[in-house]
Structure formats: C-alpha cells, structure tokens
Amino acid sequence: MSSTVSYWIFNSARNSIATLQGGQRLYSRYASNRIKSKWRLFPQGPVTLKNNASCGGIALQKAYRHTSTEEDDFHLPLSPEQVNEVLRAGESAHKILDLVGGVPSSVLRFESNQLAANFPVEDRGGVAACLQTNGLMFGVFDGHGGHACAQAVSERLFYYVAVSLMSQQTLEQMEGAMESMKPLLPILQWLKHPGDSIYKDVTSVHLDHLRVYWQELLNLHMEMGLNIEEALMYSFQRLDSDISLEIQAALEDEMTRNLSLQVAFSGATACMAHVNGVHLHVANAGDCRAILGVQEDNGMWSCLPLTRDHNAWNPTELSRLKREHPESEHRTIIMDNRLLGVLMPCRAFGDVQLKWSKELQRGVLERGFDTEALNIYQFTPTHYYTPPYLTARPEVTYHRLRPQDKFLVLASDGLWDVLGNEDVVRLVVEHLAEVCRHKPDLAQRPANLGLMQSLLLQRKAQGLHATDQNAATRLIRYAIGSNEYGETEPERLSAMLTLPEDLARMYRDDISVTVVYFNSDSIGASYKGS
C-alpha cells in the first residue's frame, strides 16, 4: 500500500458525500463494498435542520456534523506509537478470582476493546455477575440510527435476565423491600459497565417497569423461577415491549419523553452470553455474533459458531419472515438485501418504525416533539402493510463447555464484516502464543528490579514492546489495517484512524469485541466430579 493511501481514501470519499439544502451533511449516499450503513433512509422533500439542538433541558447531539474535508485540513499520518495509543484507548481486562461453591470459576478472565466510527459511538458492551445465580453475563450491543437504544439496552437487559432467574422467595423479598421502601437486594455486580449513563434521571421509570415484570413473574408461582433459556427469551422481548410502551405512555416530564422517543426510534442488535459453570447459553437478536475457539486433543484449532446472523443471507430468517406475512408481500419483505429495503438486520430492539402501525407512529410523533433536534427520522417504507416486520425475539443456543473450549469471542458486526470466524480464532490463538512467548519466566530467578529492567530492555531491543497485550485490540487492528494477504499495513492503519468524522463511517463500522477465556482445569474437574 503506497504512502498516498490516506489521501486517496479521503479524496474519493469526499466526492461521494450527499450535500443537503444549506450545505449541511446529514447522511451519505455512498457505501464502500466493505461497510454499509444498517439504515438506508429516504427523506422526502428538502431537509431543514436546526442549529440549536436543545430539548427539554438536555444537551442533544446536533442533527448534523460538519467536519472539514478540505485537503489542507486533513490530518498527517500517525506514527506507530500514536496508532497504538488510539487502538488501545478503549482497552479493558478483568481476571475472575471468585470461587463458586469452593470451585474456581469456569471463566479465567476477559479482555475487551472498542473503536468508534460513528461519533458518538453507537456500540455498547457490558459484563456483570448475576449475584443471585453466580452466573456471568457478557453482552455486545450494536446501535443504529443513534446510540440511544444501544445504551438503554446495555444498561437494562441484564437486570431483566437476573430477575427472570430469581426464585419465588427472592422475588417476594424484592417486592417486600419496594413496598416497605427498604433497600433492594443487590442484583448485579458490574465488571464492565456500559458507560456513563445519560438515563440516570429516568431510572425510576425503568425500575417501575422492571418491578411490573417481577410482579408478573410472582403471579406465575414458580418456586425455582424460569430456566436460563426461558429467561433469555422472555427478557429480550419484555424489555423491547417496555421500550415501546414507555413512549406511548403519557409522560409528563419532557426530558423523559425525549429520551424515551430517541430510544424507541433508534435501534440495537444484541448478543449476550450467560456462563454458569460448564453451562453456556448465548442469546442473539440481529447480526452481532459469538464463536468458540476450540483446541482439539491433537492440538489443532477450530471454530464453533454459537449464533446465526439474522439478515437477508440467512435462509431460515427469510422463511420466518415469509411465514409471518401474506404471500402478496413475499417479494417486498426483503429488497436489496434489506428488510423492506431499509434495515440490514431482521431482528433488533427499538426501531418502532418497523413495528408500529402508521397510525400509532403519527399519534406519538404529533405530541409536539422536536423530531429534527432529537434526530428522529420520519419515514415509512414503500411496502409497509402488515407490521410488525421486526422482532427482538432472540435465538438461544446452549453449549456444555468442555476442556477443549478455550475462549469465546463476542463482537458487533463491525468485526465480522471484515474478518471471518476462522480468521478471528487464528488471530486470538496467535495472540496467546505471542503473549506466552514474551512473558518473562521468573519462576527460577529472583524478581528483583535489576532483572526486570534487563528483561524490559531485551523486549524493547527485540521490538516486542509493540505487541498487543489485549486480544480484542489485536482483532480490531487486523480488522481495519490488514491487506488482502491478511497482513497489517502501517499506512492503512494510519489512514483508517485519521479519516474525518464524516468519512470514517464509509470505510469502517463501530467495532466492539469481548474475548472470554475459559479455565480448562475447572471445566475438566466438573466432568470428573460428575
């Protein structure tokens, strides 16, 4: 790749920007062969945007972003050190040290990272321990049409799952605490939080809906609660239903109304895993993905997919859509490989434009919302006859962990758009090999400062200081910086990381990755014990 790649990407993309009335850029008509926006919007008539995007006392993102694309404003290439700094900015890692019933956890540790293409980033991720079941929950949430829905789902879904798994006795204790205005039992311990919430002032509304849900579970009189498959299935659909109902309710507070509208009219796909001992359940709605890295007894590595993408390339998903709608719509349900010609995934939270009737949409939007300031797109697909066309119902997979199951990768489609399942497993395996190879062996030597200094100097002299210590970072590095031969190129990495905001989304998507490493010894001991 030549050193002019940055200018070529910049210049070719600049010529494809759709300029709207008044010269403001709202969206792009261009999509590269590698990355395509999940939403394809068709605004009718001229678009007028307000500069003062303030509503209900909340500072809102403007409906457009102006980033200069003049050649003399283009950023200089990044040095390798600067590239590493950008790629590693979102890293996080956590070791699981807790014992469950006196036995080490089946999860050793996890590593995660995120790289934004949208500003603000529309992906979210979270990791939490379910304090009532000793299970660990990992989630990746890929937003579209804004970040509001992904943020809300990342904050709330784990609570719905945890409540679904509670016994009758625990639910009674929760309800008793609410009635007597006492502190609730702890539900989750966040190990990786979705991020700073903009919804703190409306959590009372969210808690009210969660409480209604556990009251309904109480009325079922199930002593042991739902099983994990039922809990995942019901939690996804119940949260999506609550997101829809919250904006239909007559909310008095303007800020709550505005936030609820943004959540409902944006969307998010979701993939989450629940690990409890050797029991692994994965729930997926949309085109995020989860895979297992497996090392066979002969030392060979393989990939075990745990999810199927819910999009136009999934024959099972196409059959489902046709079953749910009249035969007269079979040719229009999927057009140009999109649901109704506008949305890539066929399952998602939010996106009420593809779930509500036209009358309900008009009724809600006519309540005096400043939809332009709130970035709410008003449109109806051409062949919109029998909604809902979209569902948040997940596909749930169960896998009993084995000692050969070494790691789990969950990621948003920004990763899978450019790397195959086998590529991801290979890169994580190579990462593990490099980390083990470069890890200093201090078992037989005193760990004094002089020895540590010597080892650091050796690593620097050998060029090992640039090795990623986080597998998620390595995956992102290769996703945006590798050539057709699978090798990373410094020029490509620098170019992809210095694209202006209004061009970056044309060439890459937001990428969120979590890599979960399993404890083979603990898993093997479980088999021996049984």
Protein backbone atom coordinates (compact mmCIF):
# COMPACT_ATOMS: atom_id res chain seq x y z
CA MET A 1 0.00 0.00 0.00
CA SER A 2 1.52 3.33 -1.01
CA SER A 3 2.04 6.27 1.30
CA THR A 4 -0.70 8.17 -0.59
CA VAL A 5 -3.44 5.82 0.64
CA SER A 6 -4.70 8.38 3.19
CA TYR A 7 -5.20 10.99 0.50
CA TRP A 8 -6.86 8.51 -1.88
CA ILE A 9 -9.38 7.32 0.72
CA PHE A 10 -10.05 10.87 1.77
CA ASN A 11 -10.45 12.31 -1.73
CA SER A 12 -12.59 9.53 -3.23
CA ALA A 13 -14.96 9.50 -0.28
CA ARG A 14 -15.28 13.28 -0.17
CA ASN A 15 -16.72 13.29 -3.67
CA SER A 16 -19.47 10.87 -2.61
CA ILE A 17 -20.92 12.88 0.26
CA ALA A 18 -24.54 13.87 -0.22
CA THR A 19 -24.85 17.59 0.38
CA LEU A 20 -28.28 18.65 1.55
CA GLN A 21 -30.01 22.01 1.47
CA GLY A 22 -27.85 24.70 3.01
CA GLY A 23 -24.68 22.65 2.58
CA GLN A 24 -25.19 20.59 5.75
CA ARG A 25 -24.30 16.91 5.63
CA LEU A 26 -26.90 14.64 7.17
CA TYR A 27 -26.09 11.24 5.72
CA SER A 28 -24.08 9.64 2.98
CA ARG A 29 -25.36 8.16 -0.26
CA TYR A 30 -22.07 6.32 -0.62
CA ALA A 31 -21.19 3.00 0.94
CA SER A 32 -18.00 1.10 0.28
CA ASN A 33 -18.00 -2.55 -0.69
CA ARG A 34 -16.87 -3.48 2.82
CA ILE A 35 -19.06 -1.33 5.03
CA LYS A 36 -22.70 -0.40 4.54
CA SER A 37 -24.89 1.52 6.92
CA LYS A 38 -27.51 -0.58 8.65
CA TRP A 39 -30.17 2.03 7.95
CA ARG A 40 -30.88 3.32 4.48
CA LEU A 41 -33.04 6.40 4.85
CA PHE A 42 -35.11 8.07 2.19
CA PRO A 43 -36.13 11.53 3.48
CA GLN A 44 -38.95 13.06 1.48
CA GLY A 45 -38.56 16.67 0.43
CA PRO A 46 -35.85 19.11 1.45
CA VAL A 47 -34.30 18.57 4.83
CA THR A 48 -34.07 21.54 7.19
CA LEU A 49 -32.01 21.21 10.34
CA LYS A 50 -31.90 23.29 13.47
CA ASN A 51 -28.62 24.56 14.83
CA ASN A 52 -29.91 24.81 18.39
CA ALA A 53 -30.34 21.12 19.23
CA SER A 54 -31.52 21.59 22.77
CA CYS A 55 -34.67 19.94 24.00
CA GLY A 56 -36.16 19.56 27.43
CA GLY A 57 -33.07 20.88 29.17
CA ILE A 58 -30.87 18.12 27.70
CA ALA A 59 -27.81 18.80 25.60
CA LEU A 60 -28.51 16.78 22.47
CA GLN A 61 -26.29 15.80 19.58
CA LYS A 62 -26.90 18.06 16.61
CA ALA A 63 -28.74 16.51 13.72
CA TYR A 64 -25.68 17.06 11.55
CA ARG A 65 -21.93 17.15 11.98
CA HIS A 66 -19.70 19.44 9.97
CA THR A 67 -16.15 18.24 9.77
CA SER A 68 -13.95 19.98 7.26
CA THR A 69 -12.89 17.81 4.33
CA GLU A 70 -10.59 20.34 2.72
CA GLU A 71 -7.29 18.78 1.72
CA ASP A 72 -5.21 21.19 3.79
CA ASP A 73 -7.21 20.24 6.90
CA PHE A 74 -6.51 16.53 6.51
CA HIS A 75 -4.52 15.04 9.38
CA LEU A 76 -0.92 13.94 8.99
CA PRO A 77 -0.21 10.20 9.19
CA LEU A 78 0.05 8.76 12.67
CA SER A 79 3.28 7.29 13.95
CA PRO A 80 3.22 3.63 15.08
CA GLU A 81 3.20 4.82 18.68
CA GLN A 82 0.20 7.09 18.00
CA VAL A 83 -1.62 4.25 16.22
CA ASN A 84 -1.13 2.06 19.27
CA GLU A 85 -2.35 4.82 21.54
CA VAL A 86 -5.59 5.19 19.56
CA LEU A 87 -6.19 1.45 19.26
CA ARG A 88 -5.58 0.80 22.95
CA ALA A 89 -7.58 3.71 24.31
CA GLY A 90 -10.70 1.58 24.86
CA GLU A 91 -8.99 -1.50 26.30
CA SER A 92 -10.17 -3.21 29.46
CA ALA A 93 -9.33 -6.52 31.09
CA HIS A 94 -10.51 -8.34 34.19
CA LYS A 95 -9.42 -11.51 35.98
CA ILE A 96 -12.09 -13.69 37.57
CA LEU A 97 -10.78 -14.65 41.01
CA ASP A 98 -14.00 -15.67 42.73
CA LEU A 99 -14.74 -19.21 43.82
CA VAL A 100 -18.21 -20.63 43.20
CA GLY A 101 -19.11 -23.27 45.76
CA GLY A 102 -15.43 -23.69 46.59
CA VAL A 103 -14.56 -24.43 42.95
CA PRO A 104 -12.69 -21.98 40.69
CA SER A 105 -14.86 -20.22 38.13
CA SER A 106 -15.02 -21.70 34.64
CA VAL A 107 -14.02 -18.22 33.38
CA LEU A 108 -10.40 -17.18 33.87
CA ARG A 109 -10.56 -13.64 32.54
CA PHE A 110 -11.92 -11.46 29.78
CA GLU A 111 -10.48 -8.74 27.56
CA SER A 112 -12.43 -6.16 25.59
CA ASN A 113 -11.96 -3.12 23.39
CA GLN A 114 -13.95 -0.76 21.20
CA LEU A 115 -13.13 1.51 18.27
CA ALA A 116 -15.60 4.16 17.11
CA ALA A 117 -16.51 5.03 13.55
CA ASN A 118 -19.66 6.94 14.47
CA PHE A 119 -19.42 9.98 16.74
CA PRO A 120 -20.72 9.36 19.31
CA VAL A 121 -20.01 5.65 19.08
CA GLU A 122 -23.21 3.58 18.70
CA ASP A 123 -21.85 0.27 20.08
CA ARG A 124 -22.08 -0.69 23.74
CA GLY A 125 -20.77 -3.60 25.80
CA GLY A 126 -21.20 -4.86 29.32
CA VAL A 127 -20.09 -7.61 31.70
CA ALA A 128 -21.78 -8.37 35.01
CA ALA A 129 -22.02 -11.08 37.63
CA CYS A 130 -25.54 -12.19 38.48
CA LEU A 131 -25.45 -12.19 42.27
CA GLN A 132 -28.46 -14.49 42.69
CA THR A 133 -27.23 -17.28 40.38
CA ASN A 134 -23.41 -16.94 40.38
CA GLY A 135 -23.57 -16.69 36.59
CA LEU A 136 -21.52 -14.27 34.49
CA MET A 137 -23.18 -12.25 31.73
CA PHE A 138 -21.36 -10.81 28.72
CA GLY A 139 -23.06 -8.59 26.16
CA VAL A 140 -22.36 -6.68 22.94
CA PHE A 141 -24.97 -4.21 21.68
CA ASP A 142 -24.76 -2.65 18.22
CA GLY A 143 -26.80 0.52 17.80
CA HIS A 144 -28.06 2.11 14.60
CA GLY A 145 -29.92 5.32 13.92
CA GLY A 146 -28.22 6.76 17.00
CA HIS A 147 -26.76 5.40 20.22
CA ALA A 148 -29.80 5.81 22.49
CA CYS A 149 -31.31 2.34 22.11
CA ALA A 150 -27.99 0.53 22.47
CA GLN A 151 -27.24 2.50 25.64
CA ALA A 152 -30.63 1.71 27.16
CA VAL A 153 -30.47 -2.00 26.31
CA SER A 154 -26.91 -2.32 27.63
CA GLU A 155 -27.99 -0.80 30.94
CA ARG A 156 -31.26 -2.67 31.38
CA LEU A 157 -31.20 -6.11 29.74
CA PHE A 158 -29.01 -7.83 32.33
CA TYR A 159 -31.42 -6.77 35.09
CA TYR A 160 -34.34 -8.35 33.24
CA VAL A 161 -32.39 -11.58 32.85
CA ALA A 162 -31.33 -11.60 36.51
CA VAL A 163 -34.91 -11.02 37.71
CA SER A 164 -36.15 -13.79 35.41
CA LEU A 165 -33.79 -16.23 37.12
CA MET A 166 -34.85 -15.35 40.67
CA SER A 167 -36.71 -17.85 42.80
CA GLN A 168 -40.21 -17.13 44.10
CA GLN A 169 -38.76 -16.42 47.54
CA THR A 170 -36.25 -13.87 46.22
CA LEU A 171 -38.91 -12.11 44.15
CA GLU A 172 -41.10 -11.87 47.25
CA GLN A 173 -38.19 -10.29 49.12
CA MET A 174 -37.72 -7.79 46.28
CA GLU A 175 -41.39 -6.84 46.30
CA GLY A 176 -41.45 -6.61 50.09
CA ALA A 177 -38.49 -4.23 50.06
CA MET A 178 -40.23 -1.99 47.50
CA GLU A 179 -43.46 -1.92 49.49
CA SER A 180 -41.70 -1.03 52.73
CA MET A 181 -39.32 1.38 50.95
CA LYS A 182 -36.24 -0.57 52.06
CA PRO A 183 -33.08 -1.16 50.02
CA LEU A 184 -33.40 -3.82 47.35
CA LEU A 185 -31.30 -6.96 47.31
CA PRO A 186 -28.21 -6.49 45.12
CA ILE A 187 -28.92 -7.87 41.66
CA LEU A 188 -25.76 -7.33 39.58
CA GLN A 189 -22.09 -6.66 40.13
CA TRP A 190 -20.83 -4.79 37.06
CA LEU A 191 -17.38 -5.88 35.92
CA LYS A 192 -17.51 -3.77 32.77
CA HIS A 193 -20.21 -1.11 32.76
CA PRO A 194 -21.81 0.10 29.51
CA GLY A 195 -20.51 3.59 30.20
CA ASP A 196 -21.69 6.86 31.67
CA SER A 197 -25.45 6.82 31.55
CA ILE A 198 -27.50 9.70 30.19
CA TYR A 199 -30.56 7.99 31.63
CA LYS A 200 -29.84 8.43 35.34
CA ASP A 201 -32.73 10.85 35.76
CA VAL A 202 -35.26 8.41 34.31
CA THR A 203 -34.18 5.25 36.12
CA SER A 204 -37.29 5.45 38.30
CA VAL A 205 -39.40 4.81 35.19
CA HIS A 206 -37.17 1.87 34.25
CA LEU A 207 -37.36 0.45 37.79
CA ASP A 208 -41.16 0.74 37.72
CA HIS A 209 -41.30 -1.39 34.57
CA LEU A 210 -38.83 -3.90 35.98
CA ARG A 211 -40.99 -4.15 39.07
CA VAL A 212 -44.11 -4.81 36.99
CA TYR A 213 -42.19 -7.61 35.29
CA TRP A 214 -41.18 -9.30 38.55
CA GLN A 215 -44.74 -8.91 39.87
CA GLU A 216 -45.96 -10.84 36.83
CA LEU A 217 -43.33 -13.49 37.49
CA LEU A 218 -44.55 -13.71 41.08
CA ASN A 219 -48.07 -14.37 39.83
CA LEU A 220 -46.77 -17.42 37.94
CA HIS A 221 -45.95 -19.07 41.30
CA MET A 222 -42.82 -20.81 40.01
CA GLU A 223 -40.78 -21.79 43.04
CA MET A 224 -37.46 -22.01 41.18
CA GLY A 225 -38.02 -19.27 38.59
CA LEU A 226 -37.50 -19.57 34.85
CA ASN A 227 -34.74 -21.67 33.38
CA ILE A 228 -31.97 -19.76 31.64
CA GLU A 229 -33.28 -20.34 28.10
CA GLU A 230 -36.73 -19.05 29.07
CA ALA A 231 -35.17 -16.15 30.99
CA LEU A 232 -33.18 -15.01 27.97
CA MET A 233 -36.10 -15.41 25.59
CA TYR A 234 -38.58 -13.52 27.76
CA SER A 235 -36.14 -10.83 28.88
CA PHE A 236 -35.27 -9.72 25.35
CA GLN A 237 -38.91 -9.48 24.33
CA ARG A 238 -40.12 -7.93 27.56
CA LEU A 239 -37.51 -5.16 27.52
CA ASP A 240 -38.32 -4.40 23.89
CA SER A 241 -42.01 -4.22 24.78
CA ASP A 242 -41.27 -1.85 27.66
CA ILE A 243 -39.19 0.38 25.38
CA SER A 244 -42.20 0.62 23.08
CA LEU A 245 -44.72 1.22 25.87
CA GLU A 246 -42.64 3.88 27.63
CA ILE A 247 -43.02 6.36 24.78
CA GLN A 248 -46.70 5.52 24.25
CA ALA A 249 -47.46 6.43 27.89
CA ALA A 250 -48.47 9.98 28.74
CA LEU A 251 -45.22 11.01 30.42
CA GLU A 252 -45.30 14.47 31.97
CA ASP A 253 -41.55 15.07 32.22
CA GLU A 254 -40.21 16.47 28.94
CA MET A 255 -36.74 15.03 29.37
CA THR A 256 -38.13 11.54 29.96
CA ARG A 257 -40.35 11.83 26.90
CA ASN A 258 -37.48 12.95 24.68
CA LEU A 259 -35.13 10.21 25.83
CA SER A 260 -37.82 7.55 25.52
CA LEU A 261 -38.54 8.71 21.96
CA GLN A 262 -34.86 8.53 21.00
CA VAL A 263 -34.58 5.02 22.43
CA ALA A 264 -37.69 3.75 20.65
CA PHE A 265 -36.93 5.30 17.25
CA SER A 266 -33.28 4.22 17.17
CA GLY A 267 -32.39 0.54 17.28
CA ALA A 268 -29.90 -2.02 18.57
CA THR A 269 -28.97 -5.59 17.86
CA ALA A 270 -27.78 -7.64 20.82
CA CYS A 271 -25.75 -10.74 21.59
CA MET A 272 -25.27 -11.86 25.17
CA ALA A 273 -23.80 -14.92 26.85
CA HIS A 274 -24.55 -16.38 30.28
CA VAL A 275 -21.88 -18.64 31.77
CA ASN A 276 -22.56 -20.68 34.90
CA GLY A 277 -20.08 -23.48 35.50
CA VAL A 278 -19.99 -25.61 32.35
CA HIS A 279 -23.32 -24.24 31.13
CA LEU A 280 -23.03 -21.65 28.36
CA HIS A 281 -26.13 -20.02 26.87
CA VAL A 282 -25.97 -17.42 24.11
CA ALA A 283 -28.92 -15.27 23.05
CA ASN A 284 -28.70 -13.34 19.80
CA ALA A 285 -31.05 -10.91 18.05
CA GLY A 286 -29.53 -9.36 14.94
CA ASP A 287 -26.10 -9.55 13.37
CA CYS A 288 -23.69 -9.47 16.30
CA ARG A 289 -22.01 -12.83 16.64
CA ALA A 290 -20.49 -15.26 19.14
CA ILE A 291 -17.99 -18.04 18.39
CA LEU A 292 -15.92 -20.52 20.39
CA GLY A 293 -12.22 -21.17 19.89
CA VAL A 294 -11.69 -24.93 20.32
CA GLN A 295 -8.39 -26.80 20.62
CA GLU A 296 -8.75 -30.48 19.82
CA ASP A 297 -6.74 -33.23 21.52
CA ASN A 298 -4.31 -33.30 18.59
CA GLY A 299 -3.53 -29.62 19.13
CA MET A 300 -5.45 -28.38 16.09
CA TRP A 301 -7.69 -25.34 16.48
CA SER A 302 -11.20 -24.95 15.12
CA CYS A 303 -14.13 -22.55 15.33
CA LEU A 304 -17.57 -23.41 16.72
CA PRO A 305 -20.21 -20.77 15.79
CA LEU A 306 -22.81 -20.20 18.51
CA THR A 307 -25.06 -17.75 16.65
CA ARG A 308 -26.54 -17.20 13.20
CA ASP A 309 -26.79 -13.73 11.72
CA HIS A 310 -30.38 -12.54 11.35
CA ASN A 311 -30.21 -10.90 7.97
CA ALA A 312 -31.14 -11.43 4.31
CA TRP A 313 -28.37 -14.01 3.82
CA ASN A 314 -29.92 -16.37 6.38
CA PRO A 315 -32.42 -18.68 4.58
CA THR A 316 -34.08 -19.65 7.87
CA GLU A 317 -34.71 -15.99 8.66
CA LEU A 318 -36.19 -15.38 5.22
CA SER A 319 -38.55 -18.32 5.70
CA ARG A 320 -39.64 -16.95 9.09
CA LEU A 321 -40.44 -13.55 7.62
CA LYS A 322 -42.49 -15.08 4.82
CA ARG A 323 -44.47 -17.20 7.28
CA GLU A 324 -45.36 -14.10 9.28
CA HIS A 325 -46.65 -12.03 6.35
CA PRO A 326 -49.07 -12.53 3.46
CA GLU A 327 -47.85 -14.15 0.27
CA SER A 328 -48.52 -10.91 -1.57
CA GLU A 329 -45.59 -9.34 0.37
CA HIS A 330 -43.03 -12.08 -0.17
CA ARG A 331 -41.28 -10.10 -2.90
CA THR A 332 -41.11 -6.88 -0.89
CA ILE A 333 -40.19 -8.07 2.61
CA ILE A 334 -36.52 -8.19 1.56
CA MET A 335 -35.36 -5.74 -1.10
CA ASP A 336 -31.73 -5.03 -1.92
CA ASN A 337 -30.77 -7.45 0.89
CA ARG A 338 -32.53 -5.27 3.49
CA LEU A 339 -35.70 -5.61 5.50
CA LEU A 340 -38.26 -3.60 3.49
CA GLY A 341 -35.27 -2.14 1.66
CA VAL A 342 -34.11 -0.10 4.67
CA LEU A 343 -32.62 -2.20 7.51
CA MET A 344 -29.83 -4.78 7.35
CA PRO A 345 -30.64 -6.89 10.47
CA CYS A 346 -34.00 -8.65 10.67
CA ARG A 347 -34.14 -8.65 14.49
CA ALA A 348 -33.45 -5.71 16.79
CA PHE A 349 -34.58 -3.75 19.82
CA GLY A 350 -36.36 -0.46 19.22
CA ASP A 351 -36.88 0.57 15.58
CA VAL A 352 -40.59 1.12 16.16
CA GLN A 353 -40.82 2.50 12.61
CA LEU A 354 -40.85 -1.18 11.55
CA LYS A 355 -43.07 -2.43 14.38
CA TRP A 356 -45.88 0.09 14.94
CA SER A 357 -48.82 0.83 12.68
CA LYS A 358 -48.65 4.05 10.68
CA GLU A 359 -51.45 5.48 12.80
CA LEU A 360 -49.62 4.81 16.08
CA GLN A 361 -46.43 6.39 14.75
CA ARG A 362 -48.29 9.53 13.69
CA GLY A 363 -50.13 9.68 17.01
CA VAL A 364 -46.92 9.58 19.03
CA LEU A 365 -44.92 11.96 16.85
CA GLU A 366 -47.70 14.55 16.80
CA ARG A 367 -47.40 15.22 20.53
CA GLY A 368 -45.14 18.20 19.96
CA PHE A 369 -41.71 16.56 19.75
CA ASP A 370 -38.93 18.49 18.02
CA THR A 371 -38.03 15.48 15.91
CA GLU A 372 -35.29 17.28 13.98
CA ALA A 373 -33.43 18.33 17.11
CA LEU A 374 -33.86 14.81 18.50
CA ASN A 375 -32.50 13.19 15.30
CA ILE A 376 -35.75 11.30 14.73
CA TYR A 377 -36.21 10.33 11.09
CA GLN A 378 -39.83 10.30 9.94
CA PHE A 379 -40.31 7.88 7.09
CA THR A 380 -42.40 4.89 6.09
CA PRO A 381 -41.09 2.18 3.76
CA THR A 382 -42.93 1.89 0.47
CA HIS A 383 -44.40 -1.58 1.10
CA TYR A 384 -45.46 -1.17 4.72
CA TYR A 385 -48.72 -3.13 5.10
CA THR A 386 -48.71 -5.68 7.94
CA PRO A 387 -46.44 -4.61 10.82
CA PRO A 388 -44.59 -5.66 12.85
CA TYR A 389 -41.82 -6.62 10.44
CA LEU A 390 -39.11 -6.61 13.08
CA THR A 391 -38.75 -8.56 16.33
CA ALA A 392 -36.38 -8.61 19.30
CA ARG A 393 -37.07 -12.30 19.92
CA PRO A 394 -33.61 -13.89 20.32
CA GLU A 395 -32.30 -17.19 19.08
CA VAL A 396 -30.91 -19.03 22.11
CA THR A 397 -28.12 -21.59 21.88
CA TYR A 398 -26.93 -23.92 24.64
CA HIS A 399 -23.44 -25.41 24.79
CA ARG A 400 -21.96 -27.53 27.55
CA LEU A 401 -18.39 -26.36 27.97
CA ARG A 402 -15.60 -28.90 27.53
CA PRO A 403 -11.91 -28.68 28.47
CA GLN A 404 -11.07 -28.12 24.79
CA ASP A 405 -13.24 -24.98 24.65
CA LYS A 406 -10.60 -22.32 25.25
CA PHE A 407 -12.21 -18.95 24.56
CA LEU A 408 -15.40 -17.18 23.50
CA VAL A 409 -15.48 -14.13 21.21
CA LEU A 410 -18.48 -11.80 21.12
CA ALA A 411 -18.38 -8.87 18.74
CA SER A 412 -20.51 -6.40 16.83
CA ASP A 413 -20.82 -6.80 13.08
CA GLY A 414 -18.12 -4.19 12.52
CA LEU A 415 -15.65 -7.01 13.17
CA TRP A 416 -17.46 -9.77 11.27
CA ASP A 417 -17.91 -7.56 8.19
CA VAL A 418 -14.18 -7.79 7.56
CA LEU A 419 -12.96 -10.91 9.40
CA GLY A 420 -14.27 -14.45 9.10
CA ASN A 421 -14.85 -16.77 12.05
CA GLU A 422 -11.72 -18.79 11.33
CA ASP A 423 -9.65 -15.61 10.95
CA VAL A 424 -10.77 -14.44 14.39
CA VAL A 425 -9.86 -17.75 16.04
CA ARG A 426 -6.48 -17.76 14.31
CA LEU A 427 -5.71 -14.21 15.45
CA VAL A 428 -6.62 -14.94 19.07
CA VAL A 429 -4.53 -18.12 19.03
CA GLU A 430 -1.57 -16.20 17.57
CA HIS A 431 -2.07 -13.56 20.25
CA LEU A 432 -2.00 -16.19 23.02
CA ALA A 433 1.16 -17.71 21.55
CA GLU A 434 2.90 -14.31 21.40
CA VAL A 435 1.90 -13.38 24.93
CA CYS A 436 3.16 -16.71 26.28
CA ARG A 437 6.38 -16.45 24.28
CA HIS A 438 7.16 -12.95 25.53
CA LYS A 439 6.05 -13.47 29.13
CA PRO A 440 9.13 -13.42 31.39
CA ASP A 441 9.80 -16.66 33.27
CA LEU A 442 10.62 -15.63 36.84
CA ALA A 443 9.93 -18.98 38.44
CA GLN A 444 13.56 -19.89 38.82
CA ARG A 445 15.02 -16.40 39.19
CA PRO A 446 14.66 -13.68 41.83
CA ALA A 447 12.23 -10.96 40.70
CA ASN A 448 14.45 -8.00 41.56
CA LEU A 449 14.42 -4.60 39.89
CA GLY A 450 17.65 -5.25 38.03
CA LEU A 451 16.27 -8.39 36.41
CA MET A 452 13.03 -6.68 35.47
CA GLN A 453 14.94 -3.78 33.89
CA SER A 454 17.06 -6.22 31.92
CA LEU A 455 14.01 -8.06 30.63
CA LEU A 456 12.34 -4.81 29.56
CA LEU A 457 15.45 -3.73 27.68
CA GLN A 458 15.58 -7.09 25.93
CA ARG A 459 11.96 -6.83 24.86
CA LYS A 460 12.48 -3.30 23.56
CA ALA A 461 15.59 -4.31 21.64
CA GLN A 462 13.67 -7.17 20.01
CA GLY A 463 10.79 -4.92 19.05
CA LEU A 464 8.38 -6.73 21.35
CA HIS A 465 7.19 -3.62 23.13
CA ALA A 466 4.61 -3.10 20.38
CA THR A 467 2.93 -6.48 20.98
CA ASP A 468 -0.72 -6.07 21.93
CA GLN A 469 -1.47 -7.36 25.41
CA ASN A 470 -5.20 -7.45 24.69
CA ALA A 471 -6.68 -9.92 22.18
CA ALA A 472 -9.59 -7.60 21.39
CA THR A 473 -7.12 -4.91 20.35
CA ARG A 474 -5.34 -7.32 18.05
CA LEU A 475 -8.63 -8.22 16.37
CA ILE A 476 -9.51 -4.56 15.82
CA ARG A 477 -6.01 -3.84 14.49
CA TYR A 478 -6.35 -6.56 11.85
CA ALA A 479 -9.97 -5.68 11.06
CA ILE A 480 -9.12 -2.16 9.94
CA GLY A 481 -5.48 -2.46 8.96
CA SER A 482 -4.95 -5.74 7.13
CA ASN A 483 -4.46 -6.13 3.39
CA GLU A 484 -5.74 -8.86 1.07
CA TYR A 485 -2.97 -11.15 2.33
CA GLY A 486 -4.05 -10.84 5.97
CA GLU A 487 -1.06 -8.68 6.95
CA THR A 488 -1.37 -5.37 8.77
CA GLU A 489 0.00 -2.33 6.95
CA PRO A 490 1.07 0.75 8.92
CA GLU A 491 -0.09 3.11 6.17
CA ARG A 492 -3.56 1.57 6.05
CA LEU A 493 -3.91 1.66 9.84
CA SER A 494 -2.89 5.31 9.94
CA ALA A 495 -5.24 6.20 7.10
CA MET A 496 -8.24 4.44 8.65
CA LEU A 497 -7.64 6.11 12.01
CA THR A 498 -7.24 9.64 10.63
CA LEU A 499 -10.33 9.81 8.42
CA PRO A 500 -12.51 12.83 9.27
CA GLU A 501 -15.69 12.06 11.18
CA ASP A 502 -17.98 12.47 8.20
CA LEU A 503 -15.93 9.98 6.16
CA ALA A 504 -14.93 7.34 8.69
CA ARG A 505 -18.30 5.56 8.67
CA MET A 506 -18.00 4.90 4.93
CA TYR A 507 -14.96 2.69 5.39
CA ARG A 508 -15.48 1.03 8.75
CA ASP A 509 -18.15 0.46 11.34
CA ASP A 510 -18.02 0.79 15.11
CA ILE A 511 -16.24 -2.32 16.40
CA SER A 512 -16.77 -3.80 19.87
CA VAL A 513 -15.08 -7.03 20.92
CA THR A 514 -15.03 -9.13 24.10
CA VAL A 515 -12.82 -12.21 24.41
CA VAL A 516 -13.63 -14.57 27.31
CA TYR A 517 -11.01 -17.14 28.34
CA PHE A 518 -12.14 -20.36 30.00
CA ASN A 519 -10.50 -22.31 32.81
CA SER A 520 -9.92 -25.74 31.29
CA ASP A 521 -8.84 -27.24 34.62
CA SER A 522 -12.02 -26.13 36.37
CA ILE A 523 -14.19 -27.36 33.49
CA GLY A 524 -12.35 -30.70 33.43
CA ALA A 525 -12.79 -31.09 37.19
CA SER A 526 -16.55 -30.65 36.76
CA TYR A 527 -16.64 -33.63 34.41
CA LYS A 528 -14.59 -35.77 36.81
CA GLY A 529 -16.84 -34.82 39.70
CA SER A 530 -19.98 -35.80 37.82
